[in-house]
Amino acid sequence: MSARAAEALGARLPALQVAANRVAASVWQGVHGRRRVGPGDSVWQYRPYMQGDETRRIDWRKSAMGDELIVREMEWEAAQTVCLWRDASPSMLWHSKLVNTQKRERADLLLVALAALLLRGGERVRLIGGPRSVGGGGLDRLADDLGRLDPGDGLPPPADLPRHARVVLFGDFLTPPDAIAACVGRIASQSIRGHLVQILDPAEVALPYHGRIRFTGLEREASALVPRVDGLRDAYRQRLAAQQDSLTAIAASAGWECSLHRTDAAPETVLLALYLALSGDRARR
């Protein structure tokens, strides 16, 4: 991260956390009688040690058999871990004149607010690509780590995640479907359930422009001058619908869920649906 980017991040973090906590508090009030699932069967499982794990969890006997530290935990404990990621690629750093919120800003808000809800409910949270998992009062650390993640290429990097964890991915998901399917398949192969949240600007949904328009790519694509954008509107909407149908099919094939969130909509709506879905995932285990 450049010094300028770090300075900008530092200036934005307090406001982000205040907004995220406000949204989380609003959603929390709307959740009534959440059913907490007990520990269930005490089945031990093992995974590599991650920064932030307590040393008392290390199984020294197992660790001595290999070249890395091994953590022992109960299967129900791993099921409490929720792994979060948001797209920080250049296409997310945009908003139309219809709204004042960039897609990246909304993704940050939703991720941190969801983390606040989960931590309040006693869950553990981890950033995919981040250095550590957090629990309890770790929201400050998570928000700080969020801004230091590699921007990536529109999809989360490969990572060894806790088996039976849950995953929530925020992004515009305008990447080719084959790449998204490969990413989801890789994560789902670790016995992980997940949720895709596609975040789009209202202008990306409706293409509300008229006349002669020059479109400039945000990720080194060539610009395109369209003499009469009105004539492309139907074809554009059909292509976007096809992309969204692909997302839904990819999610369904992995046993995941997929939803659309527009940046002109209230964040509380999608956040409540996500939180209830995650609670349902845990109850089904």
Protein backbone atom coordinates (compact mmCIF):
# COMPACT_ATOMS: atom_id res chain seq x y z
CA MET A 1 0.00 0.00 0.00
CA SER A 2 1.33 3.46 -0.92
CA ALA A 3 1.80 6.16 1.70
CA ARG A 4 -1.00 8.19 0.09
CA ALA A 5 -3.38 5.23 0.12
CA ALA A 6 -2.52 4.49 3.74
CA GLU A 7 -3.20 8.11 4.70
CA ALA A 8 -6.55 8.07 2.90
CA LEU A 9 -7.44 4.82 4.61
CA GLY A 10 -6.58 6.19 8.03
CA ALA A 11 -8.79 9.21 7.44
CA ARG A 12 -11.75 7.08 6.31
CA LEU A 13 -11.66 4.27 8.88
CA PRO A 14 -13.33 6.09 11.81
CA ALA A 15 -16.26 7.21 9.65
CA LEU A 16 -16.56 3.72 8.15
CA GLN A 17 -16.70 2.10 11.58
CA VAL A 18 -19.23 4.61 12.89
CA ALA A 19 -21.47 4.04 9.86
CA ALA A 20 -21.04 0.26 10.04
CA ASN A 21 -21.89 0.16 13.75
CA ARG A 22 -24.96 2.32 13.15
CA VAL A 23 -26.21 0.01 10.38
CA ALA A 24 -25.40 -3.08 12.45
CA ALA A 25 -27.27 -1.69 15.46
CA SER A 26 -30.33 -1.03 13.31
CA VAL A 27 -30.30 -4.57 11.95
CA TRP A 28 -29.66 -6.07 15.39
CA GLN A 29 -32.82 -4.45 16.70
CA GLY A 30 -34.75 -6.07 13.87
CA VAL A 31 -33.54 -9.57 14.70
CA HIS A 32 -35.84 -11.13 17.30
CA GLY A 33 -35.16 -14.29 19.23
CA ARG A 34 -32.12 -15.54 17.34
CA ARG A 35 -31.79 -19.23 18.03
CA ARG A 36 -28.30 -20.07 19.27
CA VAL A 37 -27.12 -23.52 18.39
CA GLY A 38 -25.32 -25.52 21.07
CA PRO A 39 -21.98 -27.20 20.65
CA GLY A 40 -23.40 -30.54 19.56
CA ASP A 41 -21.01 -33.46 19.15
CA SER A 42 -17.44 -32.92 20.31
CA VAL A 43 -15.72 -34.01 17.09
CA TRP A 44 -12.09 -32.91 16.86
CA GLN A 45 -10.64 -31.64 13.61
CA TYR A 46 -7.29 -30.16 12.69
CA ARG A 47 -6.09 -27.24 10.59
CA PRO A 48 -2.89 -25.18 10.10
CA TYR A 49 -2.14 -22.52 12.73
CA MET A 50 -3.13 -18.98 11.70
CA GLN A 51 -1.86 -15.71 13.10
CA GLY A 52 -4.23 -14.70 15.88
CA ASP A 53 -4.95 -18.26 17.06
CA GLU A 54 -4.45 -18.87 20.76
CA THR A 55 -1.34 -20.96 21.48
CA ARG A 56 -3.35 -23.20 23.81
CA ARG A 57 -5.17 -24.51 20.73
CA ILE A 58 -1.95 -25.88 19.19
CA ASP A 59 -1.74 -29.68 19.16
CA TRP A 60 1.97 -30.12 19.78
CA ARG A 61 1.93 -33.87 19.13
CA LYS A 62 0.36 -33.42 15.69
CA SER A 63 2.62 -30.45 14.98
CA ALA A 64 5.74 -32.52 15.74
CA MET A 65 4.80 -34.92 12.94
CA GLY A 66 5.17 -32.26 10.25
CA ASP A 67 6.71 -28.91 9.34
CA GLU A 68 3.90 -26.63 10.51
CA LEU A 69 1.94 -25.90 13.64
CA ILE A 70 -1.44 -27.64 13.82
CA VAL A 71 -4.46 -26.32 15.70
CA ARG A 72 -7.04 -28.68 17.18
CA GLU A 73 -10.63 -27.54 17.44
CA MET A 74 -14.09 -29.02 17.63
CA GLU A 75 -16.06 -29.23 14.39
CA TRP A 76 -18.79 -27.02 15.87
CA GLU A 77 -16.16 -24.38 16.70
CA ALA A 78 -14.99 -24.20 13.08
CA ALA A 79 -18.60 -23.79 11.98
CA GLN A 80 -18.71 -20.48 13.85
CA THR A 81 -16.07 -18.89 11.61
CA VAL A 82 -17.37 -16.56 8.89
CA CYS A 83 -14.86 -15.60 6.20
CA LEU A 84 -15.47 -12.27 4.46
CA TRP A 85 -14.08 -10.68 1.30
CA ARG A 86 -14.85 -7.66 -0.84
CA ASP A 87 -13.71 -6.73 -4.32
CA ALA A 88 -11.32 -3.77 -4.31
CA SER A 89 -10.44 -3.82 -8.01
CA PRO A 90 -10.67 -0.55 -10.02
CA SER A 91 -14.18 -1.27 -11.33
CA MET A 92 -15.47 -0.92 -7.76
CA LEU A 93 -14.05 2.62 -7.42
CA TRP A 94 -16.90 4.19 -9.37
CA HIS A 95 -20.32 5.72 -8.97
CA SER A 96 -22.68 7.40 -11.40
CA LYS A 97 -24.36 10.77 -10.98
CA LEU A 98 -27.41 8.93 -9.66
CA VAL A 99 -25.70 8.19 -6.31
CA ASN A 100 -22.82 9.50 -4.23
CA THR A 101 -21.56 6.11 -3.03
CA GLN A 102 -18.89 4.11 -4.80
CA LYS A 103 -19.44 0.37 -5.04
CA ARG A 104 -16.23 -0.15 -3.04
CA GLU A 105 -17.51 2.15 -0.27
CA ARG A 106 -20.78 0.21 -0.03
CA ALA A 107 -18.92 -3.11 -0.03
CA ASP A 108 -16.70 -1.89 2.82
CA LEU A 109 -19.75 -0.74 4.78
CA LEU A 110 -21.61 -4.01 4.33
CA LEU A 111 -18.59 -6.12 5.22
CA VAL A 112 -17.71 -4.20 8.39
CA ALA A 113 -21.36 -3.95 9.48
CA LEU A 114 -21.85 -7.69 8.94
CA ALA A 115 -18.67 -8.36 10.91
CA ALA A 116 -19.99 -6.17 13.74
CA LEU A 117 -23.23 -8.17 13.82
CA LEU A 118 -21.44 -11.51 13.78
CA LEU A 119 -18.99 -10.51 16.50
CA ARG A 120 -21.87 -9.24 18.61
CA GLY A 121 -23.50 -12.64 18.18
CA GLY A 122 -20.39 -14.44 19.42
CA GLU A 123 -19.04 -15.56 16.04
CA ARG A 124 -15.46 -15.41 14.80
CA VAL A 125 -14.69 -13.46 11.65
CA ARG A 126 -11.81 -13.70 9.21
CA LEU A 127 -10.90 -11.72 6.11
CA ILE A 128 -9.99 -13.87 3.12
CA GLY A 129 -6.44 -12.81 2.34
CA GLY A 130 -6.14 -11.16 5.75
CA PRO A 131 -3.58 -11.98 8.44
CA ARG A 132 -5.81 -13.21 11.26
CA SER A 133 -9.22 -14.17 12.52
CA VAL A 134 -10.89 -11.96 15.10
CA GLY A 135 -13.47 -12.35 17.81
CA GLY A 136 -14.92 -10.32 20.62
CA GLY A 137 -13.74 -6.72 20.28
CA GLY A 138 -11.71 -7.27 17.13
CA LEU A 139 -13.71 -5.00 14.82
CA ASP A 140 -11.04 -2.27 14.89
CA ARG A 141 -8.38 -4.74 13.76
CA LEU A 142 -10.60 -6.15 11.04
CA ALA A 143 -11.44 -2.70 9.63
CA ASP A 144 -7.75 -1.79 9.64
CA ASP A 145 -6.78 -5.05 7.92
CA LEU A 146 -9.53 -4.60 5.32
CA GLY A 147 -7.92 -1.53 3.81
CA ARG A 148 -4.54 -3.24 3.61
CA LEU A 149 -5.66 -6.19 1.50
CA ASP A 150 -4.28 -6.55 -2.01
CA PRO A 151 -6.84 -5.04 -4.45
CA GLY A 152 -6.72 -8.25 -6.47
CA ASP A 153 -8.36 -8.90 -9.81
CA GLY A 154 -12.05 -9.04 -8.93
CA LEU A 155 -12.09 -12.42 -7.19
CA PRO A 156 -10.74 -13.59 -3.81
CA PRO A 157 -7.27 -15.17 -3.75
CA PRO A 158 -6.81 -18.88 -3.06
CA ALA A 159 -6.78 -19.50 0.70
CA ASP A 160 -7.00 -22.40 3.13
CA LEU A 161 -10.16 -21.68 5.09
CA PRO A 162 -11.53 -23.48 8.16
CA ARG A 163 -13.52 -26.52 7.11
CA HIS A 164 -17.28 -26.00 7.50
CA ALA A 165 -16.81 -22.24 7.78
CA ARG A 166 -19.13 -19.89 5.93
CA VAL A 167 -18.14 -17.32 3.33
CA VAL A 168 -19.65 -14.03 2.16
CA LEU A 169 -18.20 -12.39 -0.96
CA PHE A 170 -19.07 -8.79 -1.92
CA GLY A 171 -18.30 -7.47 -5.41
CA ASP A 172 -19.75 -6.43 -8.74
CA PHE A 173 -19.00 -9.89 -10.18
CA LEU A 174 -18.71 -8.66 -13.75
CA THR A 175 -15.83 -11.10 -14.23
CA PRO A 176 -16.40 -13.87 -16.83
CA PRO A 177 -18.64 -16.58 -15.33
CA ASP A 178 -16.07 -19.34 -15.87
CA ALA A 179 -13.61 -17.57 -13.56
CA ILE A 180 -16.31 -17.04 -10.92
CA ALA A 181 -17.37 -20.69 -11.15
CA ALA A 182 -13.78 -21.85 -10.65
CA CYS A 183 -13.39 -19.59 -7.61
CA VAL A 184 -16.66 -20.71 -6.00
CA GLY A 185 -15.90 -24.35 -6.74
CA ARG A 186 -12.48 -24.06 -5.11
CA ILE A 187 -13.97 -22.61 -1.92
CA ALA A 188 -16.97 -24.97 -1.85
CA SER A 189 -14.63 -27.98 -2.15
CA GLN A 190 -13.52 -27.19 1.43
CA SER A 191 -17.07 -28.02 2.67
CA ILE A 192 -17.88 -24.32 2.91
CA ARG A 193 -21.28 -22.73 2.33
CA GLY A 194 -21.35 -19.23 0.95
CA HIS A 195 -23.18 -16.16 -0.24
CA LEU A 196 -22.44 -13.96 -3.26
CA VAL A 197 -23.59 -10.35 -2.97
CA GLN A 198 -23.43 -8.50 -6.29
CA ILE A 199 -23.13 -4.75 -5.74
CA LEU A 200 -24.05 -2.55 -8.69
CA ASP A 201 -24.60 1.14 -9.29
CA PRO A 202 -28.17 1.90 -10.46
CA ALA A 203 -26.75 3.20 -13.73
CA GLU A 204 -25.12 -0.19 -14.35
CA VAL A 205 -28.52 -1.81 -13.94
CA ALA A 206 -30.59 0.57 -16.06
CA LEU A 207 -28.08 2.17 -18.49
CA PRO A 208 -30.06 5.46 -18.30
CA TYR A 209 -27.93 7.39 -20.81
CA HIS A 210 -29.06 8.96 -24.06
CA GLY A 211 -27.44 10.05 -27.28
CA ARG A 212 -23.71 10.03 -27.98
CA ILE A 213 -21.69 8.66 -25.04
CA ARG A 214 -18.03 7.71 -24.62
CA PHE A 215 -17.50 4.87 -22.15
CA THR A 216 -14.07 4.61 -20.54
CA GLY A 217 -12.91 1.38 -18.91
CA LEU A 218 -11.60 1.38 -15.34
CA GLU A 219 -9.38 -1.68 -15.73
CA ARG A 220 -7.30 -0.76 -18.78
CA GLU A 221 -10.05 -1.58 -21.28
CA ALA A 222 -10.17 0.50 -24.44
CA SER A 223 -12.71 3.34 -24.46
CA ALA A 224 -15.76 3.03 -26.70
CA LEU A 225 -17.67 5.85 -28.38
CA VAL A 226 -21.34 4.89 -28.79
CA PRO A 227 -23.17 7.21 -31.24
CA ARG A 228 -26.63 6.31 -29.94
CA VAL A 229 -26.61 4.51 -26.61
CA ASP A 230 -30.42 4.24 -26.56
CA GLY A 231 -30.19 1.60 -29.28
CA LEU A 232 -27.98 -0.63 -27.12
CA ARG A 233 -30.06 -0.49 -23.96
CA ASP A 234 -32.09 -3.65 -24.52
CA ALA A 235 -29.05 -5.69 -25.57
CA TYR A 236 -27.10 -4.39 -22.58
CA ARG A 237 -29.83 -5.32 -20.13
CA GLN A 238 -30.11 -8.78 -21.66
CA ARG A 239 -26.38 -9.31 -21.27
CA LEU A 240 -26.45 -8.14 -17.65
CA ALA A 241 -29.40 -10.45 -16.96
CA ALA A 242 -27.44 -13.33 -18.49
CA GLN A 243 -24.49 -12.54 -16.21
CA GLN A 244 -26.79 -12.50 -13.18
CA ASP A 245 -28.43 -15.76 -14.25
CA SER A 246 -24.95 -17.29 -14.44
CA LEU A 247 -24.15 -16.04 -10.94
CA THR A 248 -27.35 -17.56 -9.58
CA ALA A 249 -26.63 -20.88 -11.29
CA ILE A 250 -23.02 -20.94 -10.04
CA ALA A 251 -24.16 -20.28 -6.49
CA ALA A 252 -26.93 -22.88 -6.65
CA SER A 253 -24.61 -25.58 -8.01
CA ALA A 254 -22.39 -25.13 -4.93
CA GLY A 255 -25.29 -24.95 -2.47
CA TRP A 256 -24.68 -21.21 -2.07
CA GLU A 257 -27.00 -18.21 -2.29
CA CYS A 258 -26.75 -15.11 -4.48
CA SER A 259 -28.31 -11.66 -4.13
CA LEU A 260 -28.18 -8.26 -5.82
CA HIS A 261 -27.66 -5.01 -3.95
CA ARG A 262 -27.89 -1.60 -5.61
CA THR A 263 -25.98 1.30 -4.12
CA ASP A 264 -29.14 3.43 -4.12
CA ALA A 265 -30.82 0.94 -1.75
CA ALA A 266 -30.64 0.93 2.04
CA PRO A 267 -27.78 -1.27 3.30
CA GLU A 268 -29.91 -2.54 6.19
CA THR A 269 -32.13 -4.60 3.87
CA VAL A 270 -29.43 -6.81 2.38
CA LEU A 271 -27.56 -6.94 5.70
CA LEU A 272 -30.59 -8.29 7.57
CA ALA A 273 -31.16 -10.94 4.89
CA LEU A 274 -27.49 -11.96 5.04
CA TYR A 275 -27.42 -12.20 8.81
CA LEU A 276 -30.57 -14.30 8.95
CA ALA A 277 -29.24 -16.56 6.18
CA LEU A 278 -25.98 -17.08 8.06
CA SER A 279 -27.92 -17.87 11.23
CA GLY A 280 -29.93 -20.40 9.24
CA ASP A 281 -26.74 -21.98 7.87
CA ARG A 282 -25.49 -22.52 11.40
CA ALA A 283 -28.82 -23.92 12.61
CA ARG A 284 -28.83 -26.48 9.78
CA ARG A 285 -25.47 -27.89 10.85
